Protein backbone atom coordinates (compact mmCIF):
# COMPACT_ATOMS: atom_id res chain seq x y z
CA UNK A 1 -38.83 7.51 -4.19
CA UNK A 2 -35.97 5.47 -2.77
CA UNK A 3 -32.87 7.31 -1.75
CA UNK A 4 -29.63 5.50 -2.33
CA UNK A 5 -26.92 6.59 0.01
CA UNK A 6 -23.38 6.35 -1.09
CA UNK A 7 -21.19 4.10 0.94
CA UNK A 8 -18.15 5.93 2.13
CA UNK A 9 -14.97 4.09 1.43
CA UNK A 10 -12.32 3.98 4.03
CA UNK A 11 -9.63 6.40 3.07
CA UNK A 12 -6.20 4.95 2.75
CA UNK A 13 -3.72 6.46 5.15
CA UNK A 14 -1.39 8.87 3.43
CA UNK A 15 2.07 7.62 2.63
CA UNK A 16 4.74 9.01 4.91
CA UNK A 17 7.07 11.58 3.42
CA UNK A 18 10.14 9.56 4.40
CA UNK A 19 8.76 6.58 2.49
CA UNK A 20 8.23 8.80 -0.56
CA UNK A 21 11.85 9.91 -0.35
CA UNK A 22 13.03 6.30 -0.11
CA UNK A 23 10.96 5.26 -3.14
CA UNK A 24 12.30 8.24 -5.08
CA UNK A 25 15.87 7.22 -4.20
CA UNK A 26 15.21 3.69 -5.46
CA UNK A 27 13.84 5.10 -8.72
CA UNK A 28 16.76 7.50 -9.15
CA UNK A 29 19.22 4.68 -8.48
CA UNK A 30 17.60 2.49 -11.11
CA UNK A 31 17.60 5.33 -13.64
CA UNK A 32 21.26 6.15 -13.02
CA UNK A 33 22.29 2.49 -13.28
CA UNK A 34 20.35 2.12 -16.55
CA UNK A 35 21.94 5.29 -17.95
CA UNK A 36 25.38 4.12 -16.87
CA UNK A 37 24.89 0.78 -18.62
CA UNK A 38 23.67 2.56 -21.77
CA UNK A 39 26.60 4.99 -21.78
CA UNK A 40 29.03 2.19 -21.17
CA UNK A 41 27.60 0.32 -24.13
CA UNK A 42 27.70 3.38 -26.42
CA UNK A 43 31.20 4.56 -25.48
CA UNK A 44 32.69 1.07 -25.04
CA UNK A 45 34.36 2.12 -21.77
CA UNK A 46 33.70 1.04 -18.22
CA UNK A 47 34.99 4.18 -16.49
CA UNK A 48 31.48 5.04 -15.35
CA UNK A 49 31.36 1.95 -13.14
CA UNK A 50 34.32 3.08 -11.05
CA UNK A 51 32.73 6.22 -9.59
CA UNK A 52 29.08 6.71 -10.45
CA UNK A 53 27.68 3.32 -9.51
CA UNK A 54 29.35 3.03 -6.07
CA UNK A 55 28.39 6.59 -5.15
CA UNK A 56 24.71 6.17 -6.00
CA UNK A 57 24.50 2.88 -4.11
CA UNK A 58 26.22 4.49 -1.12
CA UNK A 59 23.57 7.21 -1.15
CA UNK A 60 20.81 4.61 -1.36
CA UNK A 61 22.24 2.54 1.48
CA UNK A 62 22.53 5.56 3.78
CA UNK A 63 18.95 6.60 3.02
CA UNK A 64 17.69 3.07 3.58
CA UNK A 65 19.57 2.77 6.86
CA UNK A 66 18.14 6.01 8.20
CA UNK A 67 14.62 5.03 7.11
CA UNK A 68 14.83 1.70 8.98
CA UNK A 69 16.30 3.44 12.03
CA UNK A 70 13.37 5.88 12.00
CA UNK A 71 10.84 3.05 11.61
CA UNK A 72 12.46 1.17 14.50
CA UNK A 73 12.16 4.18 16.80
CA UNK A 74 8.52 4.75 15.79
CA UNK A 75 7.68 1.11 16.46
CA UNK A 76 9.36 1.27 19.87
CA UNK A 77 7.16 4.24 20.77
CA UNK A 78 3.99 2.46 19.55
CA UNK A 79 4.82 -0.74 21.43
CA UNK A 80 5.55 1.16 24.64
CA UNK A 81 2.09 2.69 24.38
CA UNK A 82 0.42 -0.66 23.71
CA UNK A 83 2.13 -2.48 26.58
CA UNK A 84 2.17 0.48 28.97
CA UNK A 85 5.93 0.47 29.45
CA UNK A 86 7.42 3.72 30.63
CA UNK A 87 10.67 4.83 29.11
CA UNK A 88 13.57 5.29 31.48
CA UNK A 89 15.72 8.21 30.54
CA UNK A 90 19.37 7.38 30.40
CA UNK A 91 22.30 9.67 29.98
CA UNK A 92 23.64 7.54 27.11
CA UNK A 93 20.87 8.71 24.78
CA UNK A 94 21.82 12.35 25.16
CA UNK A 95 25.55 11.99 24.65
């Protein structure tokens, strides 16, 4: 009898939690914008655009900015390890 062994697939690395939060914020922003457009159409007023839309996009931009800042810092750490560069501590980072 021939035994057939199952080939193990490479597991995908798990998605980072910060990336999940960012994707959720994009989804929430799209939902809120769609609801605002629908409410504006039903009520025939554009009051919702004055407050709701700018606030949700401000929240999204802050979240996106912090995510890219975090990714930049992680990449700096990885590249220092690859190239063997030691980090010099400066007092500016702690102020």
